[in-house]
Amino acid sequence: MAKLIAIRKAADKEFIGDGFSSCALEDGIGATSMCPGHQMREASSEPLFPALEGRHPCFSTTAEGHARSGRLHLPVSPGCNITCRFCRRDTHNQDAHRPGVSRTVLTPEEAVEAVGRALELCPTINVAGIAGPGDTLFTDHAIRTFELVHAAYPNLINCVSTNGLLLPRKAERLIAAGVSTITVTVNAVDPELLPRICSSVFYEGRRLVGEEAARRLIGNQIEGIKIAARLGAVVKINTVLIPGINDHHVGAVARVTAEAGAALINVIPLIPQHEFAALPAPTASQLEQARSDAARFLTVFSHCQRCRADACGIPGVSEFSAQVYEEKLFASATFSHG
């Protein structure tokens, strides 16, 4: 707990960005934005989270720190308790490069074995994370996995990504299992807006829709962030930027979650698919504006690689997931009932 509190105190220090870079990218319509590496250099002259800088890519606020260390995503959580209109999960996918997909789903015991294989292939891995392919708290598979991994590899940073619906009731168990960094996906804090993004919520045996679903999800997310921050975890917010729906709402998400105790936000461009397949992806100027709106309240993480649920290696630099999960795939492919 003392280690978590120390990390959290580092997150509470004042942080101020200092301008823009001359390195620009065109978005196809003449607008420009900084490349991600320069965004991070300009945004952070010193690490915001010293205990995580260079060790956890997604909580490193300098480009150098982000590219220094590896992470391993353990795909142990197959199902989800909310229905997002942009989300298409796949647990038998070897090719797509996006969240929500993995080659397979592991048991907690298999996940520990995967950690060992990953460390042999990529010794710079410092983070064992769980980010799906479904929601990590919908079942207890993730918590059990963290318990086993933390016991076997106590020096690894344990990280979880969740939609936050069950975070209030499971935050203490996550922390007790060794989790120190928590990412909560919050796409809207307006119950009239959220149903346009999330069509239903399954909670306590009931399927909720409309504003009832939105109020439950938003309320639980905010309560969960408060509890996790109070327990000493560093909390990051993921917000999917959806043009025409929440592109003018990202500042409100940052403000509300910052007040709850979040320390960092990652604005993720929409990948048009599923019910949002016909929507355009955000332009560079739209993404820059949303990040600027969020930066009034939270530090903005701008180097996201939109990783798979079974990613392994240094984001954007190396990838070892095929080797790590090859043994599990081979076993599954050759299993016979005969």
Foldseek 3Di string as FASTA:
>chain_A
DVVLQLQLVLLPDDFAFDDADPAWDAQPPRDIHHDQQRVLVRRDVDFSRVVCFLQDLQRHSHPVSNQRAKEWFAAAAEAAFWAFQQDDAEACDDDDFFARYHNHHDALVLSLVLVVVQCVVAVRHQEYEFEYNYFPVPDCRNLSSLLVNCVVPVRHAYEYEGCQLCLLVCLVSNVVSRHAAYEHEDAALDLQQCCVTIAWGQDPNDIDGGSVRSCSSNVRNLNSLLVNVVVRHAYEYEYEQFPPRCLVGLLVVLQSSLVSPHAEYEYHWRDQDRSRVVGDTDTPVSVVVSCVSNVVRHHYNYPDSNGYSGFITRVPPDTDSCVSCVVVVVCVVPDDPD
